[in-house]
């Protein structure tokens, strides 16, 4: 109405009164996103800095890895709430697909033999665990429920088939940074696999 009647002072004041609080909220969200981005840069720097490899960082700095997962969880949740037209199923489908791709690449000798560098294997293992943690935090029932689209038994088996010293940090990440491992819906077999 205010646009249609630019000379009506009362309508202009009413419109301005409605817009100013929204602009203030938008400014607060923008400033928060800037602080979040700066914090995320620092966190990623700490998780990827020398002299440690990414695996060593995950083993040594599990709390930082969990904070990284928490930030990603918050970001995905915020986007979900902001964009009601984009259901969480799209996000969880993408994450479960990534976990499945990594698992299949690692457990299938034909695909695994194509890796010429052990760092590629480590990278796939880290990605698989990372997306499982993300899935577990954003999906309502998590990654460990029977209804999960992630084959958790298969993923844990792939991890356990690796040399123990190379995956203990990743197994600990599943044990201690996931949200639903200790839920009643998690099978006893999966819980025992991670003990």
N, C-alpha and C. Protein backbone atom coordinates (compact mmCIF):
# COMPACT_ATOMS: atom_id res chain seq x y z
N UNK A 1 0.81 -1.19 0.00
CA UNK A 1 0.00 0.00 0.00
C UNK A 1 0.86 1.27 0.00
N UNK A 2 1.95 1.22 0.77
CA UNK A 2 2.79 2.41 0.87
C UNK A 2 3.39 2.77 -0.48
N UNK A 3 3.72 1.77 -1.29
CA UNK A 3 4.29 2.04 -2.62
C UNK A 3 3.24 2.68 -3.52
N UNK A 4 2.01 2.23 -3.40
CA UNK A 4 0.93 2.77 -4.23
C UNK A 4 0.53 4.18 -3.80
N UNK A 5 0.82 4.54 -2.55
CA UNK A 5 0.45 5.86 -2.03
C UNK A 5 1.67 6.52 -1.40
N UNK A 6 2.63 6.97 -2.23
CA UNK A 6 3.88 7.52 -1.69
C UNK A 6 3.71 8.81 -0.91
N UNK A 7 2.60 9.51 -1.06
CA UNK A 7 2.42 10.78 -0.35
C UNK A 7 1.65 10.62 0.96
N UNK A 8 1.20 9.42 1.27
CA UNK A 8 0.47 9.16 2.51
C UNK A 8 1.48 8.89 3.62
N UNK A 9 1.69 9.89 4.47
CA UNK A 9 2.69 9.81 5.53
C UNK A 9 2.42 8.66 6.51
N UNK A 10 1.14 8.43 6.85
CA UNK A 10 0.81 7.37 7.80
C UNK A 10 1.16 6.00 7.23
N UNK A 11 0.86 5.78 5.95
CA UNK A 11 1.21 4.50 5.30
C UNK A 11 2.71 4.32 5.21
N UNK A 12 3.41 5.42 4.92
CA UNK A 12 4.87 5.37 4.82
C UNK A 12 5.49 5.01 6.17
N UNK A 13 4.98 5.63 7.24
CA UNK A 13 5.50 5.33 8.57
C UNK A 13 5.20 3.88 8.97
N UNK A 14 4.01 3.42 8.64
CA UNK A 14 3.63 2.04 8.96
C UNK A 14 4.53 1.05 8.22
N UNK A 15 4.76 1.31 6.95
CA UNK A 15 5.63 0.44 6.15
C UNK A 15 7.05 0.47 6.69
N UNK A 16 7.54 1.67 7.00
CA UNK A 16 8.89 1.80 7.53
C UNK A 16 9.01 1.08 8.86
N UNK A 17 8.00 1.18 9.69
CA UNK A 17 7.99 0.50 10.98
C UNK A 17 8.02 -1.02 10.84
N UNK A 18 7.44 -1.53 9.76
CA UNK A 18 7.45 -2.97 9.51
C UNK A 18 8.78 -3.43 8.91
N UNK A 19 9.42 -2.58 8.12
CA UNK A 19 10.65 -2.96 7.43
C UNK A 19 11.87 -2.89 8.33
N UNK A 20 11.95 -1.87 9.17
CA UNK A 20 13.16 -1.65 9.99
C UNK A 20 13.50 -2.86 10.87
N UNK A 21 12.56 -3.46 11.59
CA UNK A 21 12.93 -4.64 12.39
C UNK A 21 13.43 -5.81 11.54
N UNK A 22 12.86 -5.98 10.36
CA UNK A 22 13.32 -7.07 9.48
C UNK A 22 14.73 -6.81 8.98
N UNK A 23 15.02 -5.55 8.67
CA UNK A 23 16.38 -5.20 8.24
C UNK A 23 17.36 -5.44 9.38
N UNK A 24 16.94 -5.11 10.60
CA UNK A 24 17.79 -5.36 11.77
C UNK A 24 18.08 -6.84 11.94
N UNK A 25 17.05 -7.69 11.78
CA UNK A 25 17.26 -9.14 11.87
C UNK A 25 18.19 -9.62 10.78
N UNK A 26 17.98 -9.14 9.58
CA UNK A 26 18.83 -9.54 8.46
C UNK A 26 20.28 -9.16 8.72
N UNK A 27 20.48 -7.96 9.28
CA UNK A 27 21.84 -7.52 9.60
C UNK A 27 22.47 -8.44 10.64
N UNK A 28 21.69 -8.82 11.67
CA UNK A 28 22.22 -9.73 12.71
C UNK A 28 22.60 -11.08 12.11
N UNK A 29 21.75 -11.62 11.22
CA UNK A 29 22.07 -12.89 10.58
C UNK A 29 23.32 -12.77 9.73
N UNK A 30 23.45 -11.66 9.02
CA UNK A 30 24.63 -11.46 8.18
C UNK A 30 25.89 -11.40 9.04
N UNK A 31 25.84 -10.62 10.12
CA UNK A 31 27.00 -10.51 11.01
C UNK A 31 27.35 -11.86 11.63
N UNK A 32 26.33 -12.61 12.02
CA UNK A 32 26.57 -13.93 12.58
C UNK A 32 27.22 -14.84 11.54
N UNK A 33 26.74 -14.80 10.31
CA UNK A 33 27.32 -15.65 9.26
C UNK A 33 28.77 -15.28 9.02
N UNK A 34 29.11 -14.00 9.15
CA UNK A 34 30.50 -13.57 8.98
C UNK A 34 31.37 -14.13 10.11
N UNK A 35 30.87 -14.09 11.35
CA UNK A 35 31.62 -14.65 12.48
C UNK A 35 31.74 -16.16 12.34
N UNK A 36 30.67 -16.81 11.90
CA UNK A 36 30.69 -18.26 11.70
C UNK A 36 31.71 -18.64 10.63
N UNK A 37 31.73 -17.88 9.56
CA UNK A 37 32.69 -18.15 8.48
C UNK A 37 34.13 -18.00 8.98
N UNK A 38 34.39 -16.95 9.75
CA UNK A 38 35.74 -16.74 10.28
C UNK A 38 36.11 -17.87 11.24
N UNK A 39 35.17 -18.27 12.09
CA UNK A 39 35.43 -19.37 13.01
C UNK A 39 35.67 -20.68 12.28
N UNK A 40 34.91 -20.90 11.23
CA UNK A 40 35.06 -22.12 10.44
C UNK A 40 36.42 -22.16 9.76
N UNK A 41 36.87 -21.00 9.27
CA UNK A 41 38.21 -20.96 8.66
C UNK A 41 39.28 -21.35 9.67
N UNK A 42 39.18 -20.80 10.87
CA UNK A 42 40.14 -21.14 11.92
C UNK A 42 40.08 -22.60 12.30
N UNK A 43 38.88 -23.13 12.39
CA UNK A 43 38.69 -24.54 12.73
C UNK A 43 39.28 -25.44 11.66
N UNK A 44 38.99 -25.14 10.40
CA UNK A 44 39.55 -25.94 9.31
C UNK A 44 41.07 -25.82 9.26
N UNK A 45 41.57 -24.63 9.56
CA UNK A 45 43.02 -24.45 9.61
C UNK A 45 43.65 -25.33 10.67
N UNK A 46 43.01 -25.39 11.83
CA UNK A 46 43.51 -26.22 12.92
C UNK A 46 43.43 -27.71 12.58
N UNK A 47 42.40 -28.10 11.82
CA UNK A 47 42.23 -29.52 11.48
C UNK A 47 43.06 -29.97 10.28
N UNK A 48 43.67 -29.03 9.58
CA UNK A 48 44.42 -29.41 8.38
C UNK A 48 45.86 -28.91 8.37
N UNK A 49 46.29 -28.27 9.46
CA UNK A 49 47.63 -27.68 9.47
C UNK A 49 48.71 -28.75 9.60
N UNK A 50 49.90 -28.38 9.16
CA UNK A 50 51.06 -29.26 9.30
C UNK A 50 51.49 -29.22 10.76
N UNK A 51 52.20 -30.15 11.27
CA UNK A 51 52.87 -31.25 10.60
C UNK A 51 52.04 -32.52 10.53
N UNK A 52 50.78 -32.47 10.95
CA UNK A 52 49.99 -33.69 11.03
C UNK A 52 49.20 -33.94 9.75
N UNK A 53 48.97 -35.22 9.46
CA UNK A 53 48.12 -35.59 8.34
C UNK A 53 46.67 -35.40 8.78
N UNK A 54 45.72 -35.37 7.84
CA UNK A 54 44.31 -35.26 8.23
C UNK A 54 43.88 -36.37 9.20
N UNK A 55 44.37 -37.58 9.00
CA UNK A 55 44.02 -38.68 9.91
C UNK A 55 44.54 -38.40 11.31
N UNK A 56 45.77 -37.93 11.40
CA UNK A 56 46.35 -37.62 12.71
C UNK A 56 45.57 -36.50 13.39
N UNK A 57 45.13 -35.51 12.60
CA UNK A 57 44.30 -34.45 13.17
C UNK A 57 43.02 -35.01 13.76
N UNK A 58 42.36 -35.92 13.01
CA UNK A 58 41.11 -36.50 13.52
C UNK A 58 41.36 -37.30 14.80
N UNK A 59 42.50 -37.98 14.85
CA UNK A 59 42.83 -38.75 16.04
C UNK A 59 43.17 -37.85 17.22
N UNK A 60 43.89 -36.77 16.97
CA UNK A 60 44.36 -35.90 18.04
C UNK A 60 43.33 -34.84 18.45
N UNK A 61 42.48 -34.44 17.52
CA UNK A 61 41.59 -33.30 17.77
C UNK A 61 40.14 -33.66 17.50
N UNK A 62 39.69 -34.68 18.20
CA UNK A 62 38.31 -35.15 18.00
C UNK A 62 37.29 -34.10 18.39
N UNK A 63 37.59 -33.32 19.41
CA UNK A 63 36.65 -32.28 19.83
C UNK A 63 36.49 -31.22 18.74
N UNK A 64 37.59 -30.88 18.08
CA UNK A 64 37.50 -29.92 16.97
C UNK A 64 36.72 -30.50 15.81
N UNK A 65 36.93 -31.79 15.53
CA UNK A 65 36.17 -32.44 14.45
C UNK A 65 34.68 -32.44 14.79
N UNK A 66 34.37 -32.66 16.05
CA UNK A 66 32.95 -32.63 16.47
C UNK A 66 32.39 -31.22 16.31
N UNK A 67 33.17 -30.21 16.66
CA UNK A 67 32.70 -28.84 16.48
C UNK A 67 32.46 -28.53 15.01
N UNK A 68 33.33 -29.04 14.15
CA UNK A 68 33.14 -28.88 12.71
C UNK A 68 31.81 -29.51 12.29
N UNK A 69 31.54 -30.72 12.78
CA UNK A 69 30.28 -31.39 12.47
C UNK A 69 29.10 -30.60 13.02
N UNK A 70 29.26 -30.01 14.22
CA UNK A 70 28.19 -29.21 14.81
C UNK A 70 27.88 -27.98 13.97
N UNK A 71 28.93 -27.33 13.46
CA UNK A 71 28.72 -26.16 12.61
C UNK A 71 28.02 -26.56 11.32
N UNK A 72 28.45 -27.67 10.73
CA UNK A 72 27.78 -28.13 9.52
C UNK A 72 26.33 -28.49 9.82
N UNK A 73 26.11 -29.13 10.96
CA UNK A 73 24.75 -29.47 11.36
C UNK A 73 23.90 -28.20 11.48
N UNK A 74 24.43 -27.21 12.19
CA UNK A 74 23.71 -25.96 12.36
C UNK A 74 23.40 -25.32 11.01
N UNK A 75 24.39 -25.28 10.14
CA UNK A 75 24.20 -24.66 8.83
C UNK A 75 23.13 -25.37 8.03
N UNK A 76 23.20 -26.70 8.01
CA UNK A 76 22.19 -27.46 7.27
C UNK A 76 20.81 -27.29 7.90
N UNK A 77 20.76 -27.27 9.21
CA UNK A 77 19.47 -27.10 9.90
C UNK A 77 18.91 -25.70 9.62
N UNK A 78 19.77 -24.69 9.66
CA UNK A 78 19.33 -23.33 9.37
C UNK A 78 18.77 -23.24 7.96
N UNK A 79 19.50 -23.81 7.01
CA UNK A 79 19.02 -23.81 5.62
C UNK A 79 17.70 -24.54 5.49
N UNK A 80 17.57 -25.63 6.22
CA UNK A 80 16.32 -26.40 6.18
C UNK A 80 15.16 -25.54 6.66
N UNK A 81 15.36 -24.85 7.77
CA UNK A 81 14.29 -24.02 8.31
C UNK A 81 14.03 -22.81 7.43
N UNK A 82 15.09 -22.28 6.85
CA UNK A 82 14.95 -21.10 5.99
C UNK A 82 14.24 -21.46 4.69
N UNK A 83 14.56 -22.60 4.14
CA UNK A 83 14.00 -23.02 2.85
C UNK A 83 13.09 -24.21 3.06
N UNK A 84 11.90 -23.96 3.51
CA UNK A 84 10.96 -25.07 3.74
C UNK A 84 10.68 -25.84 2.46
N UNK A 85 10.95 -25.24 1.30
CA UNK A 85 10.72 -25.92 0.02
C UNK A 85 11.78 -26.97 -0.28
N UNK A 86 12.90 -26.93 0.45
CA UNK A 86 13.99 -27.87 0.22
C UNK A 86 14.02 -28.86 1.38
N UNK A 87 13.37 -30.01 1.23
CA UNK A 87 13.27 -30.93 2.36
C UNK A 87 14.62 -31.53 2.74
N UNK A 88 14.72 -31.92 4.01
CA UNK A 88 15.94 -32.52 4.55
C UNK A 88 16.27 -33.82 3.85
N UNK A 89 15.25 -34.47 3.26
CA UNK A 89 15.51 -35.72 2.57
C UNK A 89 16.54 -35.55 1.45
N UNK A 90 16.53 -34.39 0.80
CA UNK A 90 17.53 -34.16 -0.26
C UNK A 90 18.94 -34.20 0.31
N UNK A 91 19.12 -33.58 1.47
CA UNK A 91 20.43 -33.55 2.11
C UNK A 91 20.84 -34.94 2.57
N UNK A 92 19.93 -35.63 3.26
CA UNK A 92 20.29 -36.94 3.78
C UNK A 92 20.48 -37.96 2.66
N UNK A 93 19.72 -37.83 1.58
CA UNK A 93 19.92 -38.72 0.43
C UNK A 93 21.32 -38.52 -0.15
N UNK A 94 21.73 -37.28 -0.26
CA UNK A 94 23.08 -36.99 -0.78
C UNK A 94 24.14 -37.57 0.13
N UNK A 95 23.98 -37.38 1.44
CA UNK A 95 24.98 -37.90 2.39
C UNK A 95 25.02 -39.42 2.38
N UNK A 96 23.85 -40.06 2.36
CA UNK A 96 23.85 -41.53 2.36
C UNK A 96 24.44 -42.08 1.07
N UNK A 97 24.21 -41.38 -0.04
CA UNK A 97 24.81 -41.81 -1.31
C UNK A 97 26.32 -41.71 -1.25
N UNK A 98 26.82 -40.59 -0.68
CA UNK A 98 28.29 -40.43 -0.56
C UNK A 98 28.89 -41.53 0.28
N UNK A 99 28.22 -41.85 1.43
CA UNK A 99 28.74 -42.91 2.30
C UNK A 99 28.75 -44.24 1.56
N UNK A 100 27.69 -44.51 0.81
CA UNK A 100 27.61 -45.77 0.06
C UNK A 100 28.67 -45.86 -1.02
N UNK A 101 28.91 -44.76 -1.71
CA UNK A 101 29.94 -44.75 -2.76
C UNK A 101 31.30 -45.05 -2.15
N UNK A 102 31.61 -44.39 -1.04
CA UNK A 102 32.90 -44.64 -0.38
C UNK A 102 33.01 -46.09 0.07
N UNK A 103 31.96 -46.61 0.70
CA UNK A 103 31.99 -47.99 1.19
C UNK A 103 32.21 -48.97 0.04
N UNK A 104 31.48 -48.80 -1.05
CA UNK A 104 31.60 -49.71 -2.19
C UNK A 104 33.00 -49.62 -2.80
N UNK A 105 33.53 -48.40 -2.92
CA UNK A 105 34.87 -48.24 -3.49
C UNK A 105 35.92 -48.94 -2.63
N UNK A 106 35.71 -48.93 -1.32
CA UNK A 106 36.70 -49.51 -0.41
C UNK A 106 36.55 -51.01 -0.24
N UNK A 107 35.33 -51.54 -0.35
CA UNK A 107 35.13 -52.97 -0.10
C UNK A 107 35.18 -53.81 -1.37
N UNK A 108 35.16 -53.19 -2.53
CA UNK A 108 35.17 -53.93 -3.78
C UNK A 108 36.60 -53.99 -4.31
N UNK A 109 37.19 -55.19 -4.35
CA UNK A 109 38.60 -55.30 -4.77
C UNK A 109 38.87 -54.67 -6.14
N UNK A 110 37.95 -54.80 -7.05
CA UNK A 110 38.14 -54.22 -8.40
C UNK A 110 38.34 -52.71 -8.33
N UNK A 111 37.54 -52.03 -7.50
CA UNK A 111 37.66 -50.58 -7.38
C UNK A 111 38.85 -50.20 -6.51
N UNK A 112 39.02 -50.92 -5.43
CA UNK A 112 40.10 -50.62 -4.48
C UNK A 112 41.47 -50.75 -5.16
N UNK A 113 41.60 -51.71 -6.08
CA UNK A 113 42.89 -51.92 -6.75
C UNK A 113 43.27 -50.73 -7.64
N UNK A 114 42.32 -49.88 -7.93
CA UNK A 114 42.61 -48.70 -8.77
C UNK A 114 43.28 -47.58 -7.98
N UNK A 115 43.23 -47.67 -6.66
CA UNK A 115 43.87 -46.65 -5.84
C UNK A 115 45.38 -46.88 -5.86
N UNK A 116 46.11 -45.92 -6.35
CA UNK A 116 47.56 -46.06 -6.42
C UNK A 116 48.26 -45.47 -5.20
N UNK A 117 47.50 -44.79 -4.36
CA UNK A 117 48.08 -44.10 -3.22
C UNK A 117 47.24 -44.42 -1.98
N UNK A 118 47.89 -44.78 -0.91
CA UNK A 118 47.16 -45.10 0.33
C UNK A 118 46.44 -43.88 0.89
N UNK A 119 46.92 -42.68 0.56
CA UNK A 119 46.22 -41.47 1.00
C UNK A 119 44.82 -41.41 0.41
N UNK A 120 44.63 -41.99 -0.79
CA UNK A 120 43.30 -42.02 -1.40
C UNK A 120 42.36 -42.89 -0.57
N UNK A 121 42.89 -44.01 -0.09
CA UNK A 121 42.10 -44.88 0.79
C UNK A 121 41.73 -44.13 2.06
N UNK A 122 42.72 -43.46 2.67
CA UNK A 122 42.47 -42.69 3.89
C UNK A 122 41.44 -41.60 3.64
N UNK A 123 41.55 -40.94 2.49
CA UNK A 123 40.61 -39.88 2.15
C UNK A 123 39.18 -40.45 2.07
N UNK A 124 39.01 -41.57 1.38
CA UNK A 124 37.69 -42.19 1.25
C UNK A 124 37.13 -42.60 2.61
N UNK A 125 37.98 -43.13 3.47
CA UNK A 125 37.54 -43.51 4.82
C UNK A 125 37.08 -42.29 5.61
N UNK A 126 37.85 -41.20 5.52
CA UNK A 126 37.49 -39.98 6.25
C UNK A 126 36.19 -39.39 5.72
N UNK A 127 36.04 -39.37 4.40
CA UNK A 127 34.80 -38.84 3.81
C UNK A 127 33.62 -39.69 4.27
N UNK A 128 33.77 -41.01 4.22
CA UNK A 128 32.69 -41.90 4.62
C UNK A 128 32.28 -41.62 6.07
N UNK A 129 33.25 -41.54 6.96
CA UNK A 129 32.95 -41.29 8.37
C UNK A 129 32.35 -39.89 8.55
N UNK A 130 32.90 -38.92 7.85
CA UNK A 130 32.39 -37.55 7.96
C UNK A 130 30.93 -37.43 7.54
N UNK A 131 30.57 -38.06 6.43
CA UNK A 131 29.18 -37.95 5.98
C UNK A 131 28.24 -38.78 6.88
N UNK A 132 28.76 -39.85 7.47
CA UNK A 132 27.95 -40.60 8.44
C UNK A 132 27.64 -39.72 9.65
N UNK A 133 28.65 -39.01 10.14
CA UNK A 133 28.45 -38.13 11.28
C UNK A 133 27.45 -37.03 10.93
N UNK A 134 27.62 -36.43 9.75
CA UNK A 134 26.68 -35.39 9.32
C UNK A 134 25.26 -35.95 9.21
N UNK A 135 25.14 -37.09 8.55
CA UNK A 135 23.82 -37.73 8.39
C UNK A 135 23.20 -37.97 9.75
N UNK A 136 23.99 -38.49 10.68
CA UNK A 136 23.48 -38.81 12.00
C UNK A 136 22.98 -37.57 12.73
N UNK A 137 23.61 -36.43 12.47
CA UNK A 137 23.19 -35.19 13.14
C UNK A 137 21.99 -34.53 12.47
N UNK A 138 21.81 -34.71 11.17
CA UNK A 138 20.72 -34.00 10.49
C UNK A 138 19.48 -34.85 10.26
N UNK A 139 19.62 -36.17 10.24
CA UNK A 139 18.47 -37.04 10.01
C UNK A 139 17.72 -37.24 11.34
N UNK A 140 16.40 -37.18 11.32
CA UNK A 140 15.64 -37.28 12.58
C UNK A 140 15.94 -38.54 13.40
N UNK A 141 16.15 -39.69 12.75
CA UNK A 141 16.45 -40.92 13.52
C UNK A 141 17.91 -41.31 13.43
N UNK A 142 18.68 -40.60 12.64
CA UNK A 142 20.11 -40.82 12.58
C UNK A 142 20.57 -41.94 11.66
N UNK A 143 21.88 -42.16 11.68
CA UNK A 143 22.52 -43.11 10.77
C UNK A 143 22.45 -44.55 11.27
N UNK A 144 22.20 -44.75 12.54
CA UNK A 144 22.30 -46.09 13.12
C UNK A 144 20.98 -46.85 13.18
N UNK A 145 19.87 -46.18 12.89
CA UNK A 145 18.56 -46.83 12.93
C UNK A 145 18.43 -47.81 11.77
N UNK A 146 17.57 -48.80 11.95
CA UNK A 146 17.36 -49.79 10.88
C UNK A 146 16.81 -49.14 9.62
N UNK A 147 16.09 -48.03 9.78
CA UNK A 147 15.50 -47.35 8.63
C UNK A 147 16.49 -46.43 7.91
N UNK A 148 17.70 -46.30 8.44
CA UNK A 148 18.72 -45.45 7.82
C UNK A 148 19.06 -45.96 6.43
N UNK A 149 19.36 -45.03 5.55
CA UNK A 149 19.76 -45.40 4.19
C UNK A 149 21.25 -45.72 4.09
N UNK A 150 21.94 -45.64 5.21
CA UNK A 150 23.37 -45.97 5.24
C UNK A 150 23.53 -47.38 5.80
N UNK A 151 24.30 -48.18 5.10
CA UNK A 151 24.62 -49.54 5.56
C UNK A 151 25.71 -49.43 6.61
N UNK A 152 25.29 -49.18 7.86
CA UNK A 152 26.26 -48.96 8.92
C UNK A 152 27.11 -50.18 9.20
N UNK A 153 26.51 -51.36 9.16
CA UNK A 153 27.30 -52.58 9.39
C UNK A 153 28.40 -52.69 8.34
N UNK A 154 28.06 -52.42 7.08
CA UNK A 154 29.04 -52.48 6.00
C UNK A 154 30.13 -51.43 6.17
N UNK A 155 29.73 -50.22 6.56
CA UNK A 155 30.72 -49.14 6.75
C UNK A 155 31.67 -49.47 7.91
N UNK A 156 31.11 -49.97 9.01
CA UNK A 156 31.97 -50.31 10.16
C UNK A 156 32.89 -51.47 9.78
N UNK A 157 32.38 -52.44 9.03
CA UNK A 157 33.22 -53.56 8.59
C UNK A 157 34.38 -53.07 7.73
N UNK A 158 34.10 -52.14 6.82
CA UNK A 158 35.16 -51.57 5.99
C UNK A 158 36.22 -50.92 6.88
N UNK A 159 35.79 -50.19 7.89
CA UNK A 159 36.76 -49.56 8.81
C UNK A 159 37.56 -50.62 9.57
N UNK A 160 36.88 -51.62 10.06
CA UNK A 160 37.56 -52.65 10.85
C UNK A 160 38.49 -53.52 10.00
N UNK A 161 38.28 -53.55 8.69
CA UNK A 161 39.16 -54.32 7.79
C UNK A 161 40.48 -53.60 7.51
N UNK A 162 40.62 -52.36 7.97
CA UNK A 162 41.84 -51.58 7.77
C UNK A 162 42.81 -51.87 8.91
N UNK A 163 44.08 -51.53 8.73
CA UNK A 163 45.02 -51.65 9.85
C UNK A 163 44.51 -50.83 11.04
N UNK A 164 44.44 -51.42 12.23
CA UNK A 164 43.81 -50.76 13.39
C UNK A 164 44.37 -49.37 13.68
N UNK A 165 45.68 -49.20 13.59
CA UNK A 165 46.26 -47.90 13.94
C UNK A 165 45.86 -46.81 12.95
N UNK A 166 45.40 -47.19 11.75
CA UNK A 166 45.05 -46.18 10.75
C UNK A 166 43.60 -45.72 10.86
N UNK A 167 42.77 -46.45 11.60
CA UNK A 167 41.34 -46.09 11.65
C UNK A 167 40.79 -45.90 13.06
N UNK A 168 41.62 -46.05 14.07
CA UNK A 168 41.11 -45.92 15.44
C UNK A 168 40.48 -44.56 15.67
N UNK A 169 41.08 -43.50 15.13
CA UNK A 169 40.51 -42.16 15.26
C UNK A 169 39.16 -42.04 14.59
N UNK A 170 39.01 -42.70 13.44
CA UNK A 170 37.73 -42.66 12.73
C UNK A 170 36.66 -43.45 13.49
N UNK A 171 37.05 -44.59 14.02
CA UNK A 171 36.10 -45.36 14.84
C UNK A 171 35.70 -44.56 16.08
N UNK A 172 36.67 -43.88 16.69
CA UNK A 172 36.36 -43.04 17.84
C UNK A 172 35.44 -41.88 17.45
N UNK A 173 35.62 -41.36 16.27
CA UNK A 173 34.73 -40.29 15.80
C UNK A 173 33.30 -40.80 15.73
N UNK A 174 33.11 -42.02 15.23
CA UNK A 174 31.77 -42.61 15.20
C UNK A 174 31.25 -42.86 16.61
N UNK A 175 32.14 -43.29 17.49
CA UNK A 175 31.72 -43.60 18.87
C UNK A 175 31.31 -42.35 19.65
N UNK A 176 32.08 -41.26 19.46
CA UNK A 176 31.94 -40.14 20.38
C UNK A 176 31.39 -38.85 19.77
N UNK A 177 31.26 -38.75 18.46
CA UNK A 177 30.75 -37.50 17.89
C UNK A 177 29.40 -37.66 17.20
N UNK A 178 28.88 -38.87 17.20
CA UNK A 178 27.56 -39.07 16.60
C UNK A 178 26.48 -38.81 17.65
N UNK A 179 25.28 -38.62 17.17
CA UNK A 179 24.17 -38.24 18.05
C UNK A 179 23.30 -39.43 18.46
N UNK A 180 23.17 -40.43 17.57
CA UNK A 180 22.17 -41.48 17.78
C UNK A 180 22.74 -42.87 18.07
N UNK A 181 24.05 -43.01 18.22
CA UNK A 181 24.63 -44.34 18.43
C UNK A 181 24.01 -45.04 19.63
N UNK A 182 23.79 -44.32 20.69
CA UNK A 182 23.29 -44.95 21.92
C UNK A 182 21.77 -44.94 22.04
N UNK A 183 21.08 -44.60 20.95
CA UNK A 183 19.62 -44.64 20.96
C UNK A 183 19.13 -46.09 21.05
N UNK A 184 17.92 -46.26 21.51
CA UNK A 184 17.34 -47.60 21.60
C UNK A 184 17.12 -48.20 20.22
N UNK A 185 16.99 -47.36 19.20
CA UNK A 185 16.75 -47.87 17.85
C UNK A 185 18.01 -48.43 17.19
N UNK A 186 19.17 -48.20 17.81
CA UNK A 186 20.42 -48.75 17.28
C UNK A 186 20.53 -50.21 17.66
N UNK A 187 20.80 -51.05 16.67
CA UNK A 187 20.87 -52.49 16.95
C UNK A 187 22.05 -52.81 17.87
N UNK A 188 21.88 -53.87 18.64
CA UNK A 188 22.96 -54.30 19.55
C UNK A 188 24.19 -54.71 18.75
N UNK A 189 23.97 -55.26 17.55
CA UNK A 189 25.11 -55.68 16.73
C UNK A 189 25.98 -54.49 16.34
N UNK A 190 25.35 -53.39 15.93
CA UNK A 190 26.11 -52.20 15.57
C UNK A 190 26.83 -51.64 16.80
N UNK A 191 26.12 -51.59 17.93
CA UNK A 191 26.77 -51.09 19.15
C UNK A 191 27.98 -51.94 19.51
N UNK A 192 27.84 -53.26 19.39
CA UNK A 192 28.96 -54.13 19.75
C UNK A 192 30.11 -54.00 18.74
N UNK A 193 29.79 -53.75 17.48
CA UNK A 193 30.84 -53.54 16.48
C UNK A 193 31.70 -52.33 16.80
N UNK A 194 31.11 -51.35 17.47
CA UNK A 194 31.85 -50.11 17.78
C UNK A 194 32.41 -50.09 19.21
N UNK A 195 32.27 -51.21 19.94
CA UNK A 195 32.85 -51.24 21.29
C UNK A 195 34.32 -51.55 21.24
